[in-house]
Protein backbone atom coordinates (compact mmCIF):
# COMPACT_ATOMS: atom_id res chain seq x y z
CA MET A 1 45.58 -148.55 -86.56
CA VAL A 2 48.54 -149.85 -84.65
CA GLY A 3 51.56 -149.58 -86.97
CA LEU A 4 55.18 -150.54 -86.94
CA CYS A 5 57.69 -148.60 -84.88
CA PHE A 6 61.43 -148.46 -84.40
CA GLN A 7 63.20 -148.92 -81.07
CA ILE A 8 66.35 -146.71 -81.23
CA ASN A 9 68.29 -147.21 -77.99
CA ASP A 10 65.86 -145.86 -75.37
CA TRP A 11 63.72 -143.98 -77.93
CA THR A 12 60.60 -145.37 -79.64
CA LEU A 13 59.83 -143.82 -83.04
CA VAL A 14 56.10 -143.87 -83.90
CA ILE A 15 56.00 -142.98 -87.58
CA GLU A 16 52.23 -142.52 -87.91
CA GLU A 17 52.19 -139.97 -85.06
CA ASN A 18 55.44 -138.17 -86.02
CA LYS A 19 56.60 -138.61 -82.42
CA LEU A 20 59.44 -140.01 -80.35
CA TYR A 21 58.79 -141.54 -76.91
CA ARG A 22 61.26 -142.16 -74.09
CA GLN A 23 60.28 -142.93 -70.49
CA ASP A 24 58.30 -139.82 -69.46
CA ARG A 25 59.14 -137.82 -72.59
CA GLU A 26 57.14 -137.20 -75.74
CA VAL A 27 58.79 -135.33 -78.62
CA SER A 28 56.91 -133.94 -81.61
CA VAL A 29 59.11 -134.20 -84.71
CA GLU A 30 58.74 -132.65 -88.15
CA PRO A 31 57.74 -135.12 -90.92
CA ARG A 32 60.98 -134.53 -92.85
CA LEU A 33 63.01 -135.49 -89.78
CA VAL A 34 60.79 -138.55 -89.21
CA ASN A 35 61.37 -139.70 -92.78
CA LEU A 36 65.13 -139.22 -92.41
CA LEU A 37 65.28 -141.08 -89.07
CA ARG A 38 63.10 -143.91 -90.41
CA PHE A 39 65.40 -144.40 -93.42
CA LEU A 40 68.52 -144.43 -91.23
CA ALA A 41 66.83 -146.83 -88.80
CA GLN A 42 65.95 -149.18 -91.66
CA HIS A 43 69.62 -149.16 -92.67
CA SER A 44 71.27 -148.95 -89.26
CA GLY A 45 75.06 -149.03 -89.40
CA GLU A 46 75.24 -148.13 -93.10
CA VAL A 47 76.98 -144.94 -94.28
CA PHE A 48 75.10 -142.58 -96.59
CA CYS A 49 76.43 -139.43 -98.19
CA ARG A 50 74.23 -136.37 -98.59
CA ASP A 51 73.39 -137.11 -102.22
CA GLU A 52 72.18 -140.60 -101.28
CA LEU A 53 70.03 -139.19 -98.47
CA ILE A 54 68.50 -136.66 -100.87
CA GLN A 55 67.76 -139.49 -103.34
CA HIS A 56 66.13 -141.85 -100.83
CA VAL A 57 64.57 -139.52 -98.23
CA TRP A 58 63.58 -136.53 -100.39
CA ASP A 59 62.88 -138.70 -103.49
CA GLY A 60 65.51 -136.88 -105.51
CA ALA A 61 63.84 -133.48 -105.07
CA PHE A 62 65.89 -130.29 -105.49
CA VAL A 63 67.33 -130.01 -101.98
CA THR A 64 70.59 -128.28 -101.08
CA ASP A 65 73.32 -129.93 -99.02
CA GLN A 66 72.66 -127.34 -96.30
CA VAL A 67 69.14 -128.75 -95.77
CA VAL A 68 70.58 -132.23 -95.16
CA THR A 69 73.24 -130.84 -92.80
CA GLN A 70 70.63 -128.90 -90.82
CA SER A 71 68.32 -131.95 -90.64
CA ILE A 72 71.14 -134.13 -89.26
CA PHE A 73 71.99 -131.37 -86.78
CA GLU A 74 68.36 -131.16 -85.58
CA LEU A 75 68.05 -134.95 -85.23
CA ARG A 76 71.16 -135.04 -83.05
CA LYS A 77 69.70 -132.35 -80.80
CA ILE A 78 66.40 -134.19 -80.48
CA LEU A 79 67.92 -137.61 -79.77
CA ARG A 80 70.31 -136.19 -77.19
CA ASP A 81 67.33 -134.51 -75.46
CA GLY A 82 69.51 -132.30 -73.29
CA ARG A 83 71.31 -135.23 -71.66
CA LEU A 84 74.95 -134.91 -70.73
CA ASP A 85 75.83 -138.59 -71.19
CA ASN A 86 77.94 -139.86 -74.08
CA ALA A 87 75.19 -141.81 -75.86
CA ARG A 88 75.81 -141.66 -79.59
CA TYR A 89 73.13 -141.91 -82.24
CA LEU A 90 74.18 -140.20 -85.48
CA VAL A 91 77.88 -140.00 -86.27
CA THR A 92 79.76 -138.32 -89.09
CA VAL A 93 82.11 -140.49 -91.10
CA PRO A 94 84.78 -138.10 -92.48
CA LYS A 95 84.63 -137.65 -96.25
CA ARG A 96 81.89 -140.32 -96.55
CA GLY A 97 78.69 -139.16 -94.85
CA TYR A 98 76.50 -140.14 -91.90
CA LYS A 99 75.32 -143.33 -90.23
CA LEU A 100 73.06 -144.38 -87.36
CA VAL A 101 75.11 -146.27 -84.75
CA ALA A 102 72.39 -146.70 -82.14
CA GLU A 103 70.91 -150.14 -81.43
CA THR A 104 67.82 -150.35 -83.65
CA LYS A 105 65.02 -152.90 -84.00
CA LEU A 106 61.57 -153.03 -85.58
CA VAL A 107 58.67 -153.40 -83.11
CA ASN A 108 54.89 -153.12 -82.93
CA LEU A 109 53.50 -150.18 -81.01
CA GLU A 110 51.19 -152.48 -79.00
CA ASP A 111 54.28 -154.31 -77.72
CA THR A 112 55.70 -151.12 -76.17
CA GLU A 113 54.86 -149.40 -72.91
CA PHE A 114 53.56 -146.34 -74.78
CA TRP A 115 50.59 -148.12 -76.40
CA LYS A 116 47.13 -147.45 -75.01
CA PRO A 117 44.17 -149.89 -75.45
CA SER A 118 42.09 -147.02 -76.86
CA ASP A 119 44.39 -146.98 -79.88
CA ARG A 120 43.18 -150.42 -81.03
CA PHE A 121 41.51 -150.39 -84.42
CA VAL A 122 37.87 -151.54 -84.47
CA SER A 123 36.76 -153.16 -87.69
CA ALA A 124 33.90 -151.41 -89.50
CA THR A 125 32.64 -154.71 -90.99
CA PRO A 126 30.14 -156.41 -88.63
CA SER A 127 30.03 -160.17 -88.22
CA ALA A 128 27.32 -162.30 -89.75
CA ASN A 129 25.62 -163.02 -86.40
CA SER A 130 25.54 -159.39 -85.31
CA GLU A 131 24.08 -158.38 -88.64
CA LEU A 132 21.39 -161.06 -88.66
CA LYS A 133 19.89 -160.31 -85.25
CA PRO A 134 19.06 -156.61 -85.80
CA GLN A 135 17.56 -157.50 -89.16
CA ASN A 136 15.24 -160.10 -87.58
CA ASP A 137 14.22 -157.66 -84.84
CA CYS A 138 13.48 -154.99 -87.41
CA ASN A 139 11.29 -157.33 -89.48
CA GLN A 140 9.42 -158.34 -86.34
CA MET A 141 8.64 -154.72 -85.44
CA ILE A 142 7.41 -153.92 -88.93
CA ASP A 143 5.11 -156.94 -88.90
CA ASN A 144 3.63 -155.91 -85.51
CA LYS A 145 2.93 -152.30 -86.50
CA GLY A 146 1.48 -153.07 -89.93
CA GLU A 147 0.67 -150.36 -92.41
CA ASP A 148 0.27 -147.54 -89.86
CA VAL A 149 4.02 -147.01 -89.72
CA LYS A 150 5.65 -145.67 -92.88
CA PRO A 151 9.30 -146.32 -93.47
CA ASP A 152 11.59 -143.30 -93.06
CA LEU A 153 13.35 -142.86 -96.40
CA SER A 154 14.61 -139.32 -95.76
CA PHE A 155 18.19 -138.15 -96.21
CA PRO A 156 20.30 -138.94 -93.10
CA SER A 157 20.59 -135.57 -91.38
CA GLY A 158 22.98 -134.06 -88.86
CA PRO A 159 22.40 -133.98 -85.08
CA LEU A 160 20.93 -130.44 -85.03
CA THR A 161 18.44 -131.21 -87.84
CA ARG A 162 17.32 -134.44 -86.16
CA ALA A 163 16.84 -132.62 -82.85
CA ILE A 164 14.66 -129.90 -84.44
CA ALA A 165 12.61 -132.52 -86.30
CA THR A 166 12.02 -134.43 -83.06
CA ILE A 167 10.94 -131.24 -81.25
CA SER A 168 8.50 -130.44 -84.08
CA LYS A 169 6.85 -133.86 -83.79
CA ASP A 170 6.51 -133.43 -80.02
CA VAL A 171 4.98 -129.99 -80.53
CA GLU A 172 2.38 -131.37 -82.96
CA LYS A 173 1.36 -134.04 -80.42
CA GLU A 174 1.09 -131.38 -77.69
CA LYS A 175 -1.06 -129.18 -79.94
CA LYS A 176 -3.59 -131.96 -80.42
CA LYS A 177 -3.79 -132.46 -76.65
CA GLN A 178 -4.15 -128.81 -75.51
CA GLY A 179 -5.91 -127.12 -78.44
CA SER A 180 -5.78 -123.38 -79.40
CA GLY A 181 -4.52 -122.15 -76.01
CA PHE A 182 -1.35 -124.01 -76.52
CA ASN A 183 -0.81 -122.39 -79.95
CA PHE A 184 -0.87 -118.86 -78.45
CA PHE A 185 1.48 -119.77 -75.61
CA HIS A 186 3.84 -121.66 -77.91
CA ARG A 187 4.03 -118.71 -80.34
CA TRP A 188 5.19 -116.34 -77.59
CA LYS A 189 7.78 -118.84 -76.44
CA LEU A 190 9.19 -119.03 -79.96
CA LEU A 191 9.26 -115.23 -80.24
CA ALA A 192 11.13 -114.96 -76.94
CA PHE A 193 13.60 -117.59 -78.06
CA ASP A 194 14.14 -115.76 -81.38
CA ALA A 195 14.72 -112.48 -79.54
CA PHE A 196 17.26 -114.19 -77.31
CA LEU A 197 19.15 -115.52 -80.35
CA VAL A 198 19.13 -112.06 -81.98
CA CYS A 199 20.57 -110.49 -78.82
CA ILE A 200 23.37 -113.05 -78.73
CA LEU A 201 24.13 -112.41 -82.42
CA ILE A 202 24.28 -108.64 -81.86
CA ALA A 203 26.59 -109.11 -78.86
CA VAL A 204 28.96 -111.29 -80.91
CA ILE A 205 29.06 -108.75 -83.77
CA VAL A 206 29.72 -105.82 -81.43
CA SER A 207 32.44 -107.74 -79.58
CA THR A 208 34.16 -108.72 -82.85
CA ALA A 209 34.03 -105.17 -84.19
CA TYR A 210 35.53 -103.83 -80.95
CA GLN A 211 38.38 -106.33 -81.03
CA GLN A 212 39.15 -105.52 -84.66
CA SER A 213 39.25 -101.80 -83.92
CA ALA A 214 41.85 -102.32 -81.16
CA THR A 215 45.41 -101.30 -82.05
CA HIS A 216 47.94 -104.09 -82.54
CA ILE A 217 51.57 -102.99 -82.85
CA THR A 218 53.57 -105.65 -84.68
CA LYS A 219 56.55 -103.66 -85.96
CA ALA A 220 58.78 -100.79 -84.90
CA ILE A 221 61.64 -98.98 -86.66
CA ASP A 222 65.14 -98.60 -85.24
CA ILE A 223 66.51 -95.41 -86.85
CA ASP A 224 70.07 -96.32 -85.80
CA LEU A 225 70.01 -99.66 -87.64
CA ILE A 226 71.07 -99.80 -91.31
CA GLN A 227 70.43 -102.83 -93.48
CA PHE A 228 72.66 -103.52 -96.49
CA THR A 229 71.20 -105.36 -99.48
CA TYR A 230 72.19 -106.03 -103.07
CA SER A 231 70.07 -106.54 -106.18
CA GLU A 232 70.52 -108.65 -109.27
CA SER A 233 71.52 -106.77 -112.39
CA ARG A 234 68.93 -106.29 -115.11
CA ASN A 235 71.00 -108.38 -117.52
CA GLN A 236 71.11 -111.20 -114.91
CA LYS A 237 74.87 -111.78 -115.05
CA ASP A 238 76.32 -113.70 -112.10
CA ASP A 239 79.58 -111.72 -112.05
CA THR A 240 77.79 -108.43 -111.48
CA GLU A 241 75.65 -109.96 -108.73
CA PHE A 242 78.72 -111.31 -106.91
CA LEU A 243 80.43 -107.90 -107.18
CA ALA A 244 77.34 -106.14 -105.80
CA ASP A 245 77.24 -108.44 -102.76
CA GLY A 246 80.97 -108.07 -102.06
CA ILE A 247 80.84 -104.27 -102.38
CA SER A 248 77.81 -104.06 -100.06
CA GLN A 249 79.78 -106.02 -97.43
CA LYS A 250 82.75 -103.65 -97.85
CA LEU A 251 80.52 -100.57 -97.41
CA MET A 252 78.88 -102.13 -94.35
CA SER A 253 82.27 -102.90 -92.79
CA ASP A 254 83.50 -99.34 -93.42
CA LEU A 255 80.42 -97.78 -91.85
CA ALA A 256 80.65 -100.06 -88.80
CA SER A 257 84.28 -98.99 -88.31
CA VAL A 258 83.62 -95.23 -88.42
CA GLY A 259 80.02 -94.34 -87.59
CA GLU A 260 77.78 -94.92 -84.59
CA TYR A 261 75.21 -96.81 -86.63
CA ARG A 262 74.54 -100.52 -86.19
CA VAL A 263 74.60 -102.51 -89.41
CA GLN A 264 73.32 -105.86 -90.66
CA LEU A 265 73.05 -107.86 -93.87
CA ASP A 266 69.68 -108.72 -95.37
CA LYS A 267 69.56 -112.45 -94.48
CA THR A 268 66.57 -113.24 -92.26
CA ALA A 269 63.03 -112.03 -92.95
CA PHE A 270 61.10 -111.06 -89.79
CA THR A 271 57.32 -110.70 -89.87
CA THR A 272 57.29 -108.85 -86.55
CA GLY A 273 59.82 -107.05 -84.39
CA ILE A 274 62.33 -104.25 -84.90
CA LEU A 275 62.92 -103.19 -88.51
CA PRO A 276 65.91 -101.20 -89.81
CA GLY A 277 65.32 -97.48 -90.15
CA LYS A 278 67.55 -97.18 -93.20
CA VAL A 279 68.33 -99.45 -96.17
CA VAL A 280 71.34 -99.25 -98.49
CA ASN A 281 70.97 -101.13 -101.77
CA VAL A 282 73.89 -101.92 -104.10
CA ARG A 283 73.60 -102.90 -107.75
CA VAL A 284 76.23 -103.47 -110.45
CA GLU A 285 75.02 -102.96 -114.03
CA GLU A 286 76.60 -103.49 -117.44
CA GLN A 287 75.41 -101.08 -120.12
CA GLN A 288 76.96 -100.84 -123.58
CA SER A 289 80.07 -102.79 -122.50
CA LYS A 290 80.57 -100.47 -119.52
CA THR A 291 80.17 -101.36 -115.84
CA TYR A 292 78.41 -99.07 -113.37
CA LEU A 293 77.99 -99.20 -109.60
CA ASP A 294 74.60 -97.93 -108.34
CA ILE A 295 74.19 -97.11 -104.63
CA GLU A 296 70.83 -96.09 -103.18
CA TYR A 297 70.06 -95.09 -99.58
CA ARG A 298 66.39 -95.12 -98.56
CA SER A 299 64.72 -94.16 -95.28
CA ASN A 300 62.05 -96.54 -94.02
CA THR A 301 60.72 -93.78 -91.77
CA SER A 302 59.64 -91.54 -94.64
CA ASN A 303 59.80 -94.20 -97.39
CA LYS A 304 61.89 -91.81 -99.50
CA VAL A 305 65.18 -92.20 -101.37
CA LEU A 306 67.65 -89.80 -99.74
CA PHE A 307 70.80 -90.70 -101.68
CA SER A 308 71.35 -92.23 -105.12
CA ARG A 309 74.58 -92.18 -107.09
CA GLN A 310 76.16 -94.03 -109.99
CA TYR A 311 79.89 -94.68 -110.48
CA ARG A 312 81.70 -95.83 -113.62
CA MET A 313 83.76 -98.88 -112.59
CA THR A 314 86.75 -100.64 -114.19
CA ASN A 315 89.50 -102.96 -112.94
CA ALA A 316 91.91 -100.02 -112.88
CA ASN A 317 89.75 -97.66 -110.79
CA LEU A 318 87.95 -100.19 -108.54
CA GLU A 319 89.87 -99.10 -105.43
CA HIS A 320 89.06 -95.45 -106.13
CA VAL A 321 85.37 -96.28 -106.62
CA LEU A 322 85.24 -98.20 -103.33
CA ARG A 323 86.90 -95.31 -101.53
CA GLN A 324 84.72 -92.58 -103.06
CA SER A 325 81.43 -94.48 -102.70
CA SER A 326 82.17 -95.21 -99.04
CA LEU A 327 82.98 -91.53 -98.41
CA ASP A 328 79.85 -90.29 -100.22
CA LEU A 329 77.56 -92.71 -98.39
CA MET A 330 78.93 -91.73 -94.97
CA ARG A 331 78.42 -88.05 -95.71
CA ALA A 332 74.86 -88.75 -96.88
CA LEU A 333 74.23 -90.54 -93.56
CA GLY A 334 75.66 -87.62 -91.61
CA VAL A 335 78.79 -89.46 -90.46
CA SER A 336 81.84 -87.26 -89.95
CA VAL A 337 84.83 -88.93 -91.58
CA SER A 338 88.27 -87.66 -92.55
CA GLU A 339 90.51 -88.65 -95.44
CA GLU A 340 92.90 -90.29 -92.96
CA GLN A 341 90.12 -92.53 -91.65
CA ILE A 342 89.24 -93.56 -95.19
CA ASP A 343 92.92 -94.38 -95.79
CA ILE A 344 92.84 -96.74 -92.79
CA LEU A 345 89.73 -98.46 -94.14
CA MET A 346 91.53 -99.16 -97.42
CA LEU A 347 94.55 -100.79 -95.73
CA GLY A 348 95.38 -104.32 -96.84
CA LEU A 349 93.51 -104.27 -100.15
CA PRO A 350 95.55 -105.99 -102.89
CA LYS A 351 97.33 -103.69 -105.33
CA GLU A 352 97.91 -106.03 -108.27
CA LYS A 353 95.54 -105.63 -111.21
CA GLY A 354 92.47 -107.85 -110.99
CA LEU A 355 93.15 -109.05 -107.42
CA LEU A 356 90.84 -106.51 -105.77
CA GLU A 357 87.91 -107.66 -107.91
CA MET A 358 88.82 -111.24 -106.99
CA LEU A 359 88.76 -110.29 -103.28
CA VAL A 360 85.31 -108.70 -103.63
CA GLN A 361 83.97 -111.86 -105.26
CA ALA A 362 85.61 -114.03 -102.56
CA ASN A 363 83.74 -112.03 -99.88
CA HIS A 364 80.51 -112.99 -101.62
CA TYR A 365 81.33 -116.71 -101.78
CA ILE A 366 82.49 -117.12 -98.16
CA ASN A 367 79.18 -115.69 -96.95
CA GLN A 368 77.11 -118.36 -98.74
CA PRO A 369 75.64 -121.40 -96.91
CA ASP A 370 76.58 -123.77 -99.74
CA PRO A 371 79.92 -125.44 -98.81
CA LYS A 372 80.95 -125.70 -102.47
CA ARG A 373 80.62 -121.95 -102.95
CA PHE A 374 82.37 -121.32 -99.64
CA GLU A 375 85.27 -123.47 -100.81
CA GLN A 376 85.32 -121.52 -104.08
CA GLY A 377 85.80 -118.32 -102.07
CA ILE A 378 88.71 -119.93 -100.20
CA ARG A 379 90.35 -120.84 -103.51
CA LEU A 380 90.11 -117.21 -104.65
CA LEU A 381 91.76 -116.03 -101.42
CA GLU A 382 94.53 -118.59 -101.92
CA LYS A 383 95.19 -117.22 -105.42
CA ILE A 384 95.43 -113.68 -104.05
CA SER A 385 97.80 -114.86 -101.29
CA GLU A 386 100.04 -116.50 -103.89
CA GLN A 387 100.33 -113.18 -105.75
CA GLU A 388 100.85 -111.12 -102.56
CA PRO A 389 102.37 -113.49 -99.96
CA ASP A 390 103.31 -110.64 -97.58
CA ASN A 391 99.79 -109.18 -97.39
CA ALA A 392 98.81 -109.75 -93.73
CA TYR A 393 95.19 -108.73 -94.40
CA ILE A 394 94.75 -111.52 -96.97
CA LEU A 395 96.46 -113.97 -94.59
CA ALA A 396 93.96 -113.02 -91.87
CA GLU A 397 90.98 -113.42 -94.22
CA LEU A 398 92.26 -116.82 -95.33
CA TYR A 399 92.93 -118.00 -91.74
CA ILE A 400 89.41 -117.02 -90.64
CA ALA A 401 87.90 -118.64 -93.74
CA TYR A 402 89.65 -121.97 -93.05
CA ASN A 403 88.36 -122.07 -89.46
CA ALA A 404 84.87 -120.92 -90.43
CA PHE A 405 84.59 -123.65 -93.09
CA SER A 406 85.52 -126.33 -90.54
CA ALA A 407 82.98 -124.94 -88.06
CA LEU A 408 80.14 -124.75 -90.60
CA ASN A 409 80.90 -128.14 -92.17
CA PRO A 410 82.29 -130.43 -89.45
CA GLU A 411 81.75 -133.51 -91.60
CA LEU A 412 83.88 -132.09 -94.45
CA GLU A 413 87.59 -131.41 -94.50
CA LEU A 414 89.67 -129.28 -96.86
CA THR A 415 92.86 -130.68 -98.32
CA ASP A 416 95.73 -130.20 -95.83
CA ASN A 417 93.50 -127.85 -93.84
CA THR A 418 95.34 -128.39 -90.53
CA LEU A 419 98.78 -127.80 -92.03
CA LYS A 420 97.64 -124.68 -93.87
CA THR A 421 95.99 -123.27 -90.75
CA GLU A 422 99.11 -123.80 -88.63
CA LYS A 423 101.31 -122.20 -91.27
CA LEU A 424 98.99 -119.21 -91.58
CA SER A 425 98.93 -118.70 -87.80
CA GLU A 426 102.74 -118.60 -87.71
CA GLU A 427 102.86 -116.12 -90.59
CA LEU A 428 100.23 -113.91 -88.92
CA VAL A 429 102.11 -113.78 -85.61
CA THR A 430 105.38 -113.00 -87.41
CA SER A 431 103.75 -110.25 -89.48
CA TYR A 432 102.18 -108.66 -86.40
CA THR A 433 105.47 -108.79 -84.47
CA ASN A 434 107.17 -106.89 -87.29
CA ASN A 435 104.39 -104.27 -87.54
CA MET A 436 103.27 -103.72 -83.94
CA ASP A 437 103.81 -99.95 -84.18
CA LYS A 438 101.58 -99.62 -87.29
CA VAL A 439 97.83 -99.31 -87.67
CA LEU A 440 96.49 -102.62 -88.97
CA PRO A 441 93.12 -103.69 -90.41
CA THR A 442 90.61 -104.97 -87.86
CA ARG A 443 90.49 -108.37 -89.55
CA ILE A 444 94.11 -109.03 -88.54
CA TYR A 445 93.32 -108.50 -84.84
CA GLU A 446 90.31 -110.85 -85.10
CA ALA A 447 92.46 -113.56 -86.71
CA LEU A 448 95.17 -113.13 -84.05
CA ALA A 449 92.54 -113.33 -81.28
CA MET A 450 91.15 -116.56 -82.75
CA ASN A 451 94.65 -118.05 -82.93
CA ALA A 452 95.37 -117.06 -79.31
CA ILE A 453 92.10 -118.66 -78.15
CA LYS A 454 92.98 -121.90 -79.93
CA GLN A 455 96.41 -121.81 -78.24
CA ASP A 456 94.77 -121.08 -74.82
CA GLU A 457 96.66 -117.77 -74.57
CA LYS A 458 93.94 -115.82 -72.77
CA GLU A 459 95.83 -112.57 -72.10
CA LYS A 460 96.94 -112.21 -75.71
CA ALA A 461 93.45 -113.03 -76.95
CA GLN A 462 91.95 -110.29 -74.75
CA GLN A 463 94.58 -107.83 -75.98
CA TYR A 464 93.77 -108.54 -79.63
CA LEU A 465 90.02 -108.38 -79.02
CA ASP A 466 90.36 -104.99 -77.31
CA LEU A 467 92.21 -103.68 -80.38
CA ALA A 468 89.50 -105.09 -82.65
CA PHE A 469 86.63 -103.57 -80.66
CA GLU A 470 88.38 -100.18 -80.66
CA ARG A 471 87.91 -100.10 -84.42
CA ARG A 472 84.51 -101.75 -84.91
CA GLU A 473 81.95 -104.24 -83.60
CA SER A 474 81.40 -107.37 -85.67
CA THR A 475 79.64 -110.72 -85.40
CA LEU A 476 82.96 -112.59 -85.34
CA SER A 477 84.40 -110.35 -82.60
CA TYR A 478 81.46 -111.11 -80.30
CA ILE A 479 81.70 -114.85 -81.03
CA LEU A 480 85.39 -114.76 -80.09
CA GLN A 481 84.54 -112.76 -76.98
CA GLY A 482 82.12 -115.53 -76.00
CA LYS A 483 84.79 -118.20 -76.56
CA LEU A 484 87.27 -116.29 -74.39
CA ALA A 485 84.64 -115.89 -71.65
CA GLU A 486 84.09 -119.66 -71.70
CA LEU A 487 87.83 -120.24 -71.28
CA ASN A 488 87.71 -117.93 -68.26
CA GLY A 489 84.75 -119.85 -66.81
CA ASN A 490 82.25 -116.98 -67.18
CA LEU A 491 79.32 -118.70 -68.91
CA ASP A 492 76.88 -115.82 -68.41
CA GLN A 493 79.18 -113.39 -70.19
CA ALA A 494 79.73 -115.97 -72.93
CA GLY A 495 75.98 -116.37 -73.45
CA ASP A 496 75.55 -112.59 -73.70
CA ALA A 497 78.30 -112.37 -76.31
CA TYR A 498 76.85 -115.19 -78.42
CA SER A 499 73.37 -113.64 -78.19
CA ARG A 500 74.69 -110.25 -79.32
CA ALA A 501 76.39 -111.90 -82.30
CA PHE A 502 73.12 -113.71 -83.12
CA PHE A 503 71.25 -110.40 -82.87
CA MET A 504 73.67 -108.73 -85.31
CA ASP A 505 73.47 -111.61 -87.82
CA THR A 506 70.43 -113.81 -87.19
CA SER A 507 71.26 -116.92 -89.21
CA LEU A 508 72.07 -120.60 -88.84
CA GLU A 509 75.67 -119.82 -89.84
CA THR A 510 76.10 -117.57 -86.79
CA TYR A 511 74.74 -120.34 -84.57
CA MET A 512 77.11 -122.94 -86.06
CA LEU A 513 80.12 -120.62 -85.71
CA SER A 514 79.24 -119.92 -82.08
CA GLU A 515 78.97 -123.64 -81.44
CA ASN A 516 81.98 -125.02 -83.33
CA ILE A 517 84.65 -122.40 -84.10
CA ALA A 518 87.92 -122.77 -82.12
CA PHE A 519 86.26 -125.39 -79.85
CA TYR A 520 82.81 -126.89 -79.22
CA SER A 521 80.37 -124.94 -77.04
CA ASP A 522 77.16 -126.41 -75.62
CA LEU A 523 74.78 -123.58 -76.53
CA GLU A 524 71.86 -125.35 -74.88
CA THR A 525 73.61 -124.59 -71.59
CA VAL A 526 75.44 -121.36 -72.43
CA ALA A 527 72.91 -119.56 -74.69
CA TYR A 528 69.56 -121.27 -74.23
CA PHE A 529 67.56 -118.66 -76.15
CA MET A 530 69.69 -119.20 -79.26
CA TYR A 531 69.29 -122.95 -78.89
CA LYS A 532 65.48 -122.71 -78.73
CA ALA A 533 65.39 -120.24 -81.64
CA VAL A 534 67.25 -122.67 -83.92
CA THR A 535 65.81 -125.98 -82.63
CA PRO A 536 62.19 -126.26 -83.91
CA SER A 537 61.09 -129.48 -82.18
CA GLU A 538 58.93 -129.25 -79.12
CA ILE A 539 59.60 -131.42 -76.05
CA ARG A 540 57.01 -131.77 -73.29
CA LEU A 541 56.07 -134.12 -70.47
CA MET A 542 53.54 -136.84 -71.28
């Protein structure tokens, strides 16, 4: 049936087919994106916040804001279709939501150039004249044949059954003509045909069994890759879960700074590919009004637990527990580490009572896709900074968090975000100038490199990045390396850096940071593999 369509600039949206057409292009679109685009096209020019879109497009289902943000992001990619012109379709209205600004009108598919005559719907109800004539012909035939012809009242069969029945009738007629000689010859023909069918069946079974016995390698283990995970506590308290996540990130950062292992968080589930050779699981439990930290290291190669230890944890000894657990885990992994190196890893941690626990929880929040939780982590960092205003490490964490929030949520804006970011950048530069001869946490060098990139100070940015890479490799460092390569005009090097960051942390957040942090990068041009991995829609020639 030819349905209604929407003409959106040079695109034609065919809702029944879940497709977009434009000149010689045909784009297959997911149904959820079709529903979203149809609703926006029906209300072209109107602004809708994410809650309103969830109510009207998803029928009020339980959908996170991140799903809406990702859907808008994917629609923009599809409508732009790789073009470099400035055609605008979906725009973000700051602090209000989204709206469709393209020229939109409702059309019939048969009125467009993409309609084919074969798509026309043919009515299943015959006309009175066409029904009357076959009936008269049928009555005439029955009258001519008389009682010799019996009406066929059998169940309407399939094509194969009708064919066999027809052959059987022909065989019976032939038998009457040729007598017993035909019966003998016909029996041998049937036996030969049966033998042929049996041979084909045996060949199919043997071929299938051979294919099933062939070896298919779908996974391999990288013994130098360690995955860090955290588990919910048995009493299901949110505070203990947040602490477990923050501590696992701290342990991962320490190991990346000292050892030769590569590390990653447990974010994306892969059904095939390279799997981590080792897994470190962190759990925080409360038992009889006491808090315990459980750390377990398991080898995927042997599927055995090689290290398991429990630490009693309080607000007063949290720094000691972080230090000792990091040291014990590294020794269990065979990493040579000195007390001086552990001291460097503990630099910048807040000293005031309760602030270190607040920092661990903030690390959990700022690694969540939900913007409300991310903002909650920023508020915790701001509280710590108010208590320790001279702590350069906290300033660096806060500066990076402000910029990351803007990159992950371009349609949202924190209160006085620009002023706070500028003030933090000045304080960071001043703090570094006064402590150039000291060993500083890696996070400070990453924040300084980001600030230098935003100020177009390429030499300083390279200097800070070199200092950061001397201490550890991180997802953010490689993203900043890609940004600096873009400023220098080296797009190949930039694409390699973004791809390495995506390999270390395969998530939509890494993609958004690579695209938006510091300045906008066209990843479809710079890192095409990342673009295709995140963009699900398929575009092909008609």
